[in-house]
PDB file of N, CA and C in Angstrom:
ATOM      1  N   MET A   1      15.251  -6.475 -14.221  1.00  0.00           N
ATOM      2  CA  MET A   1      13.925  -5.931 -14.363  1.00  0.00           C
ATOM      3  C   MET A   1      13.834  -4.610 -13.601  1.00  0.00           C
ATOM      4  N   GLY A   2      12.762  -3.861 -13.890  1.00  0.00           N
ATOM      5  CA  GLY A   2      12.594  -2.552 -13.304  1.00  0.00           C
ATOM      6  C   GLY A   2      11.671  -2.548 -12.101  1.00  0.00           C
ATOM      7  N   ALA A   3      11.277  -1.347 -11.745  1.00  0.00           N
ATOM      8  CA  ALA A   3      10.352  -1.158 -10.629  1.00  0.00           C
ATOM      9  C   ALA A   3       9.285  -0.164 -11.048  1.00  0.00           C
ATOM     10  N   THR A   4       8.084  -0.375 -10.542  1.00  0.00           N
ATOM     11  CA  THR A   4       6.943   0.466 -10.860  1.00  0.00           C
ATOM     12  C   THR A   4       6.298   0.921  -9.554  1.00  0.00           C
ATOM     13  N   PRO A   5       5.928   2.212  -9.452  1.00  0.00           N
ATOM     14  CA  PRO A   5       5.234   2.654  -8.248  1.00  0.00           C
ATOM     15  C   PRO A   5       3.776   2.192  -8.281  1.00  0.00           C
ATOM     16  N   PHE A   6       3.225   1.923  -7.107  1.00  0.00           N
ATOM     17  CA  PHE A   6       1.813   1.560  -7.020  1.00  0.00           C
ATOM     18  C   PHE A   6       1.185   2.215  -5.805  1.00  0.00           C
ATOM     19  N   THR A   7      -0.104   2.436  -5.902  1.00  0.00           N
ATOM     20  CA  THR A   7      -0.938   2.846  -4.779  1.00  0.00           C
ATOM     21  C   THR A   7      -2.177   1.971  -4.854  1.00  0.00           C
ATOM     22  N   THR A   8      -2.526   1.333  -3.772  1.00  0.00           N
ATOM     23  CA  THR A   8      -3.659   0.423  -3.739  1.00  0.00           C
ATOM     24  C   THR A   8      -4.549   0.759  -2.563  1.00  0.00           C
ATOM     25  N   GLY A   9      -5.810   0.946  -2.839  1.00  0.00           N
ATOM     26  CA  GLY A   9      -6.743   1.159  -1.742  1.00  0.00           C
ATOM     27  C   GLY A   9      -7.662   2.317  -2.022  1.00  0.00           C
ATOM     28  N   PRO A  10      -8.374   2.729  -1.033  1.00  0.00           N
ATOM     29  CA  PRO A  10      -8.291   2.175   0.311  1.00  0.00           C
ATOM     30  C   PRO A  10      -8.963   0.808   0.395  1.00  0.00           C
ATOM     31  N   ARG A  11      -8.357  -0.072   1.163  1.00  0.00           N
ATOM     32  CA  ARG A  11      -8.887  -1.411   1.401  1.00  0.00           C
ATOM     33  C   ARG A  11      -9.519  -1.437   2.776  1.00  0.00           C
ATOM     34  N   GLN A  12     -10.724  -1.948   2.832  1.00  0.00           N
ATOM     35  CA  GLN A  12     -11.402  -2.114   4.113  1.00  0.00           C
ATOM     36  C   GLN A  12     -10.781  -3.304   4.833  1.00  0.00           C
ATOM     37  N   GLY A  13     -10.756  -3.244   6.111  1.00  0.00           N
ATOM     38  CA  GLY A  13     -10.229  -4.355   6.891  1.00  0.00           C
ATOM     39  C   GLY A  13     -10.186  -3.975   8.347  1.00  0.00           C
ATOM     40  N   ALA A  14     -10.458  -4.939   9.185  1.00  0.00           N
ATOM     41  CA  ALA A  14     -10.437  -4.674  10.621  1.00  0.00           C
ATOM     42  C   ALA A  14      -9.021  -4.355  11.087  1.00  0.00           C
ATOM     43  N   THR A  15      -8.047  -4.959  10.437  1.00  0.00           N
ATOM     44  CA  THR A  15      -6.655  -4.702  10.786  1.00  0.00           C
ATOM     45  C   THR A  15      -5.865  -4.419   9.521  1.00  0.00           C
ATOM     46  N   ALA A  16      -4.697  -3.852   9.691  1.00  0.00           N
ATOM     47  CA  ALA A  16      -3.820  -3.607   8.543  1.00  0.00           C
ATOM     48  C   ALA A  16      -3.448  -4.926   7.876  1.00  0.00           C
ATOM     49  N   GLU A  17      -3.227  -5.966   8.679  1.00  0.00           N
ATOM     50  CA  GLU A  17      -2.858  -7.274   8.130  1.00  0.00           C
ATOM     51  C   GLU A  17      -3.957  -7.835   7.236  1.00  0.00           C
ATOM     52  N   GLU A  18      -5.201  -7.733   7.694  1.00  0.00           N
ATOM     53  CA  GLU A  18      -6.322  -8.229   6.891  1.00  0.00           C
ATOM     54  C   GLU A  18      -6.472  -7.438   5.599  1.00  0.00           C
ATOM     55  N   ALA A  19      -6.350  -6.127   5.689  1.00  0.00           N
ATOM     56  CA  ALA A  19      -6.463  -5.289   4.495  1.00  0.00           C
ATOM     57  C   ALA A  19      -5.322  -5.568   3.522  1.00  0.00           C
ATOM     58  N   PHE A  20      -4.097  -5.736   4.044  1.00  0.00           N
ATOM     59  CA  PHE A  20      -2.941  -6.045   3.198  1.00  0.00           C
ATOM     60  C   PHE A  20      -3.135  -7.386   2.500  1.00  0.00           C
ATOM     61  N   ASP A  21      -3.511  -8.400   3.255  1.00  0.00           N
ATOM     62  CA  ASP A  21      -3.722  -9.727   2.668  1.00  0.00           C
ATOM     63  C   ASP A  21      -4.782  -9.676   1.575  1.00  0.00           C
ATOM     64  N   ALA A  22      -5.864  -8.934   1.805  1.00  0.00           N
ATOM     65  CA  ALA A  22      -6.928  -8.815   0.805  1.00  0.00           C
ATOM     66  C   ALA A  22      -6.433  -8.085  -0.438  1.00  0.00           C
ATOM     67  N   ALA A  23      -5.627  -7.030  -0.255  1.00  0.00           N
ATOM     68  CA  ALA A  23      -5.093  -6.276  -1.399  1.00  0.00           C
ATOM     69  C   ALA A  23      -4.145  -7.133  -2.226  1.00  0.00           C
ATOM     70  N   VAL A  24      -3.287  -7.893  -1.571  1.00  0.00           N
ATOM     71  CA  VAL A  24      -2.345  -8.776  -2.275  1.00  0.00           C
ATOM     72  C   VAL A  24      -3.114  -9.852  -3.032  1.00  0.00           C
ATOM     73  N   GLU A  25      -4.075 -10.464  -2.374  1.00  0.00           N
ATOM     74  CA  GLU A  25      -4.866 -11.524  -3.014  1.00  0.00           C
ATOM     75  C   GLU A  25      -5.614 -10.995  -4.233  1.00  0.00           C
ATOM     76  N   GLN A  26      -6.206  -9.807  -4.109  1.00  0.00           N
ATOM     77  CA  GLN A  26      -6.933  -9.225  -5.242  1.00  0.00           C
ATOM     78  C   GLN A  26      -5.988  -8.919  -6.396  1.00  0.00           C
ATOM     79  N   ALA A  27      -4.825  -8.380  -6.097  1.00  0.00           N
ATOM     80  CA  ALA A  27      -3.848  -8.074  -7.154  1.00  0.00           C
ATOM     81  C   ALA A  27      -3.367  -9.352  -7.837  1.00  0.00           C
ATOM     82  N   ARG A  28      -3.175 -10.401  -7.073  1.00  0.00           N
ATOM     83  CA  ARG A  28      -2.758 -11.682  -7.675  1.00  0.00           C
ATOM     84  C   ARG A  28      -3.872 -12.249  -8.558  1.00  0.00           C
ATOM     85  N   TYR A  29      -5.107 -12.050  -8.145  1.00  0.00           N
ATOM     86  CA  TYR A  29      -6.237 -12.485  -8.970  1.00  0.00           C
ATOM     87  C   TYR A  29      -6.286 -11.658 -10.259  1.00  0.00           C
ATOM     88  N   ASP A  30      -6.127 -10.332 -10.116  1.00  0.00           N
ATOM     89  CA  ASP A  30      -6.220  -9.431 -11.273  1.00  0.00           C
ATOM     90  C   ASP A  30      -5.040  -9.550 -12.227  1.00  0.00           C
ATOM     91  N   TYR A  31      -3.829  -9.735 -11.694  1.00  0.00           N
ATOM     92  CA  TYR A  31      -2.613  -9.677 -12.516  1.00  0.00           C
ATOM     93  C   TYR A  31      -1.862 -10.997 -12.624  1.00  0.00           C
ATOM     94  N   GLY A  32      -2.292 -12.002 -11.898  1.00  0.00           N
ATOM     95  CA  GLY A  32      -1.654 -13.310 -11.967  1.00  0.00           C
ATOM     96  C   GLY A  32      -0.563 -13.497 -10.931  1.00  0.00           C
ATOM     97  N   HIS A  33      -0.052 -14.706 -10.874  1.00  0.00           N
ATOM     98  CA  HIS A  33       0.961 -15.095  -9.898  1.00  0.00           C
ATOM     99  C   HIS A  33       2.338 -15.221 -10.525  1.00  0.00           C
ATOM    100  N   ARG A  34       2.513 -14.706 -11.714  1.00  0.00           N
ATOM    101  CA  ARG A  34       3.745 -14.920 -12.461  1.00  0.00           C
ATOM    102  C   ARG A  34       4.908 -14.072 -11.975  1.00  0.00           C
ATOM    103  N   GLY A  35       4.661 -13.073 -11.188  1.00  0.00           N
ATOM    104  CA  GLY A  35       5.715 -12.174 -10.725  1.00  0.00           C
ATOM    105  C   GLY A  35       5.906 -10.996 -11.661  1.00  0.00           C
ATOM    106  N   TYR A  36       6.633 -10.016 -11.194  1.00  0.00           N
ATOM    107  CA  TYR A  36       6.961  -8.820 -11.974  1.00  0.00           C
ATOM    108  C   TYR A  36       5.723  -8.101 -12.495  1.00  0.00           C
ATOM    109  N   THR A  37       4.677  -8.024 -11.664  1.00  0.00           N
ATOM    110  CA  THR A  37       3.441  -7.366 -12.076  1.00  0.00           C
ATOM    111  C   THR A  37       3.471  -5.851 -11.851  1.00  0.00           C
ATOM    112  N   GLY A  38       4.407  -5.373 -11.046  1.00  0.00           N
ATOM    113  CA  GLY A  38       4.445  -3.953 -10.721  1.00  0.00           C
ATOM    114  C   GLY A  38       3.320  -3.540  -9.786  1.00  0.00           C
ATOM    115  N   THR A  39       2.773  -4.506  -9.042  1.00  0.00           N
ATOM    116  CA  THR A  39       1.658  -4.240  -8.135  1.00  0.00           C
ATOM    117  C   THR A  39       1.978  -4.735  -6.732  1.00  0.00           C
ATOM    118  N   ILE A  40       1.047  -4.519  -5.842  1.00  0.00           N
ATOM    119  CA  ILE A  40       1.194  -4.999  -4.465  1.00  0.00           C
ATOM    120  C   ILE A  40       1.270  -6.527  -4.408  1.00  0.00           C
ATOM    121  N   ALA A  41       0.920  -7.192  -5.502  1.00  0.00           N
ATOM    122  CA  ALA A  41       1.019  -8.658  -5.547  1.00  0.00           C
ATOM    123  C   ALA A  41       2.445  -9.139  -5.296  1.00  0.00           C
ATOM    124  N   GLU A  42       3.428  -8.292  -5.518  1.00  0.00           N
ATOM    125  CA  GLU A  42       4.833  -8.657  -5.337  1.00  0.00           C
ATOM    126  C   GLU A  42       5.308  -8.500  -3.892  1.00  0.00           C
ATOM    127  N   LYS A  43       4.458  -7.967  -3.028  1.00  0.00           N
ATOM    128  CA  LYS A  43       4.865  -7.661  -1.656  1.00  0.00           C
ATOM    129  C   LYS A  43       4.521  -8.778  -0.682  1.00  0.00           C
ATOM    130  N   ASP A  44       5.415  -8.984   0.286  1.00  0.00           N
ATOM    131  CA  ASP A  44       5.207  -9.971   1.337  1.00  0.00           C
ATOM    132  C   ASP A  44       4.905  -9.335   2.682  1.00  0.00           C
ATOM    133  N   ASP A  45       5.144  -8.023   2.793  1.00  0.00           N
ATOM    134  CA  ASP A  45       5.029  -7.364   4.088  1.00  0.00           C
ATOM    135  C   ASP A  45       4.735  -5.884   3.874  1.00  0.00           C
ATOM    136  N   PHE A  46       4.429  -5.199   4.958  1.00  0.00           N
ATOM    137  CA  PHE A  46       4.179  -3.765   4.918  1.00  0.00           C
ATOM    138  C   PHE A  46       4.712  -3.127   6.189  1.00  0.00           C
ATOM    139  N   VAL A  47       4.870  -1.812   6.130  1.00  0.00           N
ATOM    140  CA  VAL A  47       5.254  -1.019   7.290  1.00  0.00           C
ATOM    141  C   VAL A  47       4.271   0.148   7.371  1.00  0.00           C
ATOM    142  N   ILE A  48       3.788   0.426   8.571  1.00  0.00           N
ATOM    143  CA  ILE A  48       2.864   1.549   8.745  1.00  0.00           C
ATOM    144  C   ILE A  48       3.668   2.837   8.707  1.00  0.00           C
ATOM    145  N   VAL A  49       3.307   3.741   7.791  1.00  0.00           N
ATOM    146  CA  VAL A  49       4.088   4.964   7.570  1.00  0.00           C
ATOM    147  C   VAL A  49       3.408   6.211   8.134  1.00  0.00           C
ATOM    148  N   ALA A  50       2.217   6.063   8.682  1.00  0.00           N
ATOM    149  CA  ALA A  50       1.520   7.179   9.329  1.00  0.00           C
ATOM    150  C   ALA A  50       0.805   6.627  10.553  1.00  0.00           C
ATOM    151  N   SER A  51       1.010   7.247  11.690  1.00  0.00           N
ATOM    152  CA  SER A  51       0.435   6.714  12.921  1.00  0.00           C
ATOM    153  C   SER A  51      -1.020   7.139  13.126  1.00  0.00           C
ATOM    154  N   GLU A  52      -1.389   8.289  12.635  1.00  0.00           N
ATOM    155  CA  GLU A  52      -2.748   8.803  12.817  1.00  0.00           C
ATOM    156  C   GLU A  52      -3.576   8.570  11.559  1.00  0.00           C
ATOM    157  N   PRO A  53      -4.814   8.066  11.712  1.00  0.00           N
ATOM    158  CA  PRO A  53      -5.688   7.920  10.545  1.00  0.00           C
ATOM    159  C   PRO A  53      -5.959   9.273   9.898  1.00  0.00           C
ATOM    160  N   MET A  54      -6.109   9.274   8.584  1.00  0.00           N
ATOM    161  CA  MET A  54      -6.368  10.495   7.834  1.00  0.00           C
ATOM    162  C   MET A  54      -7.429  10.247   6.783  1.00  0.00           C
ATOM    163  N   THR A  55      -7.913  11.322   6.189  1.00  0.00           N
ATOM    164  CA  THR A  55      -8.908  11.169   5.133  1.00  0.00           C
ATOM    165  C   THR A  55      -8.263  10.504   3.925  1.00  0.00           C
ATOM    166  N   GLU A  56      -9.091   9.986   3.034  1.00  0.00           N
ATOM    167  CA  GLU A  56      -8.562   9.357   1.828  1.00  0.00           C
ATOM    168  C   GLU A  56      -7.770  10.356   0.993  1.00  0.00           C
ATOM    169  N   THR A  57      -8.232  11.591   0.931  1.00  0.00           N
ATOM    170  CA  THR A  57      -7.527  12.637   0.184  1.00  0.00           C
ATOM    171  C   THR A  57      -6.150  12.903   0.781  1.00  0.00           C
ATOM    172  N   GLU A  58      -6.081  13.014   2.100  1.00  0.00           N
ATOM    173  CA  GLU A  58      -4.803  13.231   2.769  1.00  0.00           C
ATOM    174  C   GLU A  58      -3.868  12.039   2.577  1.00  0.00           C
ATOM    175  N   ALA A  59      -4.413  10.833   2.668  1.00  0.00           N
ATOM    176  CA  ALA A  59      -3.603   9.618   2.504  1.00  0.00           C
ATOM    177  C   ALA A  59      -3.043   9.525   1.087  1.00  0.00           C
ATOM    178  N   THR A  60      -3.854   9.872   0.099  1.00  0.00           N
ATOM    179  CA  THR A  60      -3.389   9.848  -1.290  1.00  0.00           C
ATOM    180  C   THR A  60      -2.275  10.874  -1.496  1.00  0.00           C
ATOM    181  N   ALA A  61      -2.430  12.047  -0.909  1.00  0.00           N
ATOM    182  CA  ALA A  61      -1.388  13.074  -1.008  1.00  0.00           C
ATOM    183  C   ALA A  61      -0.102  12.599  -0.336  1.00  0.00           C
ATOM    184  N   LEU A  62      -0.214  11.969   0.825  1.00  0.00           N
ATOM    185  CA  LEU A  62       0.969  11.445   1.507  1.00  0.00           C
ATOM    186  C   LEU A  62       1.624  10.355   0.669  1.00  0.00           C
ATOM    187  N   ALA A  63       0.841   9.458   0.078  1.00  0.00           N
ATOM    188  CA  ALA A  63       1.387   8.390  -0.772  1.00  0.00           C
ATOM    189  C   ALA A  63       2.166   8.988  -1.939  1.00  0.00           C
ATOM    190  N   ASP A  64       1.604   9.997  -2.579  1.00  0.00           N
ATOM    191  CA  ASP A  64       2.298  10.661  -3.688  1.00  0.00           C
ATOM    192  C   ASP A  64       3.615  11.277  -3.224  1.00  0.00           C
ATOM    193  N   GLN A  65       3.586  11.909  -2.057  1.00  0.00           N
ATOM    194  CA  GLN A  65       4.798  12.526  -1.501  1.00  0.00           C
ATOM    195  C   GLN A  65       5.860  11.461  -1.195  1.00  0.00           C
ATOM    196  N   LEU A  66       5.466  10.346  -0.623  1.00  0.00           N
ATOM    197  CA  LEU A  66       6.418   9.280  -0.306  1.00  0.00           C
ATOM    198  C   LEU A  66       7.084   8.753  -1.580  1.00  0.00           C
ATOM    199  N   LEU A  67       6.315   8.604  -2.637  1.00  0.00           N
ATOM    200  CA  LEU A  67       6.873   8.124  -3.906  1.00  0.00           C
ATOM    201  C   LEU A  67       7.810   9.162  -4.529  1.00  0.00           C
ATOM    202  N   ARG A  68       7.379  10.428  -4.547  1.00  0.00           N
ATOM    203  CA  ARG A  68       8.197  11.499  -5.147  1.00  0.00           C
ATOM    204  C   ARG A  68       9.527  11.686  -4.424  1.00  0.00           C
ATOM    205  N   LYS A  69       9.497  11.537  -3.107  1.00  0.00           N
ATOM    206  CA  LYS A  69      10.702  11.793  -2.311  1.00  0.00           C
ATOM    207  C   LYS A  69      11.530  10.538  -2.071  1.00  0.00           C
ATOM    208  N   ASP A  70      11.157   9.429  -2.737  1.00  0.00           N
ATOM    209  CA  ASP A  70      11.894   8.173  -2.569  1.00  0.00           C
ATOM    210  C   ASP A  70      12.090   7.836  -1.095  1.00  0.00           C
ATOM    211  N   ASP A  71      10.995   7.835  -0.350  1.00  0.00           N
ATOM    212  CA  ASP A  71      11.054   7.522   1.068  1.00  0.00           C
ATOM    213  C   ASP A  71      11.694   6.138   1.253  1.00  0.00           C
ATOM    214  N   PRO A  72      12.739   6.044   2.071  1.00  0.00           N
ATOM    215  CA  PRO A  72      13.465   4.778   2.213  1.00  0.00           C
ATOM    216  C   PRO A  72      12.624   3.637   2.787  1.00  0.00           C
ATOM    217  N   ARG A  73      11.526   3.950   3.465  1.00  0.00           N
ATOM    218  CA  ARG A  73      10.678   2.898   4.033  1.00  0.00           C
ATOM    219  C   ARG A  73       9.954   2.092   2.959  1.00  0.00           C
ATOM    220  N   ILE A  74       9.778   2.699   1.768  1.00  0.00           N
ATOM    221  CA  ILE A  74       9.034   2.027   0.697  1.00  0.00           C
ATOM    222  C   ILE A  74       9.812   1.955  -0.612  1.00  0.00           C
ATOM    223  N   LEU A  75      11.044   2.391  -0.609  1.00  0.00           N
ATOM    224  CA  LEU A  75      11.821   2.519  -1.848  1.00  0.00           C
ATOM    225  C   LEU A  75      12.245   1.191  -2.462  1.00  0.00           C
ATOM    226  N   ASP A  76      12.507   0.191  -1.645  1.00  0.00           N
ATOM    227  CA  ASP A  76      13.009  -1.087  -2.133  1.00  0.00           C
ATOM    228  C   ASP A  76      11.892  -1.885  -2.812  1.00  0.00           C
ATOM    229  N   LYS A  77      12.076  -2.220  -4.098  1.00  0.00           N
ATOM    230  CA  LYS A  77      11.047  -2.971  -4.810  1.00  0.00           C
ATOM    231  C   LYS A  77      10.845  -4.364  -4.225  1.00  0.00           C
ATOM    232  N   TRP A  78      11.808  -4.856  -3.479  1.00  0.00           N
ATOM    233  CA  TRP A  78      11.685  -6.165  -2.820  1.00  0.00           C
ATOM    234  C   TRP A  78      11.317  -6.011  -1.342  1.00  0.00           C
ATOM    235  N   GLY A  79      11.261  -4.773  -0.853  1.00  0.00           N
ATOM    236  CA  GLY A  79      10.956  -4.514   0.555  1.00  0.00           C
ATOM    237  C   GLY A  79       9.472  -4.356   0.801  1.00  0.00           C
ATOM    238  N   PRO A  80       9.118  -3.835   1.970  1.00  0.00           N
ATOM    239  CA  PRO A  80       7.706  -3.732   2.342  1.00  0.00           C
ATOM    240  C   PRO A  80       6.978  -2.603   1.616  1.00  0.00           C
ATOM    241  N   ALA A  81       5.667  -2.746   1.561  1.00  0.00           N
ATOM    242  CA  ALA A  81       4.794  -1.663   1.109  1.00  0.00           C
ATOM    243  C   ALA A  81       4.568  -0.735   2.297  1.00  0.00           C
ATOM    244  N   GLY A  82       4.172   0.484   2.028  1.00  0.00           N
ATOM    245  CA  GLY A  82       3.787   1.409   3.083  1.00  0.00           C
ATOM    246  C   GLY A  82       2.287   1.319   3.313  1.00  0.00           C
ATOM    247  N   ALA A  83       1.858   1.418   4.553  1.00  0.00           N
ATOM    248  CA  ALA A  83       0.436   1.371   4.895  1.00  0.00           C
ATOM    249  C   ALA A  83       0.043   2.669   5.583  1.00  0.00           C
ATOM    250  N   ILE A  84      -1.035   3.276   5.094  1.00  0.00           N
ATOM    251  CA  ILE A  84      -1.530   4.536   5.647  1.00  0.00           C
ATOM    252  C   ILE A  84      -2.966   4.306   6.111  1.00  0.00           C
ATOM    253  N   PRO A  85      -3.265   4.549   7.398  1.00  0.00           N
ATOM    254  CA  PRO A  85      -4.632   4.332   7.883  1.00  0.00           C
ATOM    255  C   PRO A  85      -5.589   5.415   7.386  1.00  0.00           C
ATOM    256  N   ILE A  86      -6.763   4.971   6.946  1.00  0.00           N
ATOM    257  CA  ILE A  86      -7.824   5.873   6.498  1.00  0.00           C
ATOM    258  C   ILE A  86      -8.855   5.948   7.611  1.00  0.00           C
ATOM    259  N   LYS A  87      -9.239   7.172   7.985  1.00  0.00           N
ATOM    260  CA  LYS A  87     -10.191   7.294   9.085  1.00  0.00           C
ATOM    261  C   LYS A  87     -11.628   7.283   8.587  1.00  0.00           C
ATOM    262  N   GLY A  88     -12.463   6.699   9.435  1.00  0.00           N
ATOM    263  CA  GLY A  88     -13.891   6.688   9.189  1.00  0.00           C
ATOM    264  C   GLY A  88     -14.536   7.914   9.788  1.00  0.00           C
ATOM    265  N   GLU A  89     -15.845   7.929   9.776  1.00  0.00           N
ATOM    266  CA  GLU A  89     -16.579   9.079  10.291  1.00  0.00           C
ATOM    267  C   GLU A  89     -16.331   9.311  11.775  1.00  0.00           C
ATOM    268  N   ASN A  90     -16.063   8.242  12.519  1.00  0.00           N
ATOM    269  CA  ASN A  90     -15.821   8.395  13.957  1.00  0.00           C
ATOM    270  C   ASN A  90     -14.353   8.643  14.282  1.00  0.00           C
ATOM    271  N   GLY A  91     -13.493   8.742  13.256  1.00  0.00           N
ATOM    272  CA  GLY A  91     -12.082   9.039  13.460  1.00  0.00           C
ATOM    273  C   GLY A  91     -11.188   7.829  13.607  1.00  0.00           C
ATOM    274  N   SER A  92     -11.769   6.647  13.790  1.00  0.00           N
ATOM    275  CA  SER A  92     -10.954   5.443  13.919  1.00  0.00           C
ATOM    276  C   SER A  92     -10.641   4.877  12.537  1.00  0.00           C
ATOM    277  N   PRO A  93      -9.590   4.050  12.433  1.00  0.00           N
ATOM    278  CA  PRO A  93      -9.238   3.497  11.118  1.00  0.00           C
ATOM    279  C   PRO A  93     -10.401   2.714  10.508  1.00  0.00           C
ATOM    280  N   GLU A  94     -10.668   3.007   9.246  1.00  0.00           N
ATOM    281  CA  GLU A  94     -11.752   2.360   8.515  1.00  0.00           C
ATOM    282  C   GLU A  94     -11.191   1.490   7.397  1.00  0.00           C
ATOM    283  N   GLY A  95     -10.004   1.818   6.966  1.00  0.00           N
ATOM    284  CA  GLY A  95      -9.376   1.097   5.874  1.00  0.00           C
ATOM    285  C   GLY A  95      -7.918   1.491   5.781  1.00  0.00           C
ATOM    286  N   TRP A  96      -7.248   0.995   4.743  1.00  0.00           N
ATOM    287  CA  TRP A  96      -5.819   1.229   4.594  1.00  0.00           C
ATOM    288  C   TRP A  96      -5.490   1.501   3.136  1.00  0.00           C
ATOM    289  N   LEU A  97      -4.606   2.431   2.906  1.00  0.00           N
ATOM    290  CA  LEU A  97      -4.072   2.712   1.583  1.00  0.00           C
ATOM    291  C   LEU A  97      -2.634   2.200   1.591  1.00  0.00           C
ATOM    292  N   PHE A  98      -2.270   1.437   0.574  1.00  0.00           N
ATOM    293  CA  PHE A  98      -0.927   0.873   0.480  1.00  0.00           C
ATOM    294  C   PHE A  98      -0.187   1.514  -0.675  1.00  0.00           C
ATOM    295  N   VAL A  99       1.104   1.738  -0.475  1.00  0.00           N
ATOM    296  CA  VAL A  99       1.918   2.440  -1.459  1.00  0.00           C
ATOM    297  C   VAL A  99       3.316   1.844  -1.487  1.00  0.00           C
ATOM    298  N   GLY A 100       3.963   1.912  -2.623  1.00  0.00           N
ATOM    299  CA  GLY A 100       5.338   1.442  -2.688  1.00  0.00           C
ATOM    300  C   GLY A 100       5.813   1.255  -4.113  1.00  0.00           C
ATOM    301  N   TRP A 101       6.939   0.592  -4.221  1.00  0.00           N
ATOM    302  CA  TRP A 101       7.535   0.228  -5.508  1.00  0.00           C
ATOM    303  C   TRP A 101       7.527  -1.288  -5.604  1.00  0.00           C
ATOM    304  N   ALA A 102       7.243  -1.808  -6.785  1.00  0.00           N
ATOM    305  CA  ALA A 102       7.180  -3.258  -6.966  1.00  0.00           C
ATOM    306  C   ALA A 102       7.947  -3.640  -8.227  1.00  0.00           C
ATOM    307  N   SER A 103       8.489  -4.841  -8.228  1.00  0.00           N
ATOM    308  CA  SER A 103       9.229  -5.332  -9.393  1.00  0.00           C
ATOM    309  C   SER A 103       8.300  -5.435 -10.588  1.00  0.00           C
ATOM    310  N   SER A 104       8.837  -5.043 -11.735  1.00  0.00           N
ATOM    311  CA  SER A 104       8.052  -5.087 -12.974  1.00  0.00           C
ATOM    312  C   SER A 104       8.904  -5.526 -14.140  1.00  0.00           C
TER     313      SER A 104
END
């Protein structure tokens, strides 16, 4: 089977773990539990790929760059998704954007 790039979010959540779990659960609801959906539903884990929170526009641009450049942190369709913190009005993380490749 192949691999499909995905970007999911931004997902609200107090922590990256909560936002990731919510994104995976929603994708499984939307696309089913059968596997090979090409979505975050195929992921079991994530790695934070940006340490500083950024705007949604900046996070989307970074996600696109990571996919285009085949960043090794997110390249494996069986490996972790990338997590990018989205900043709120006060500058602290407000949500998370997830990016990666998933089995399809």
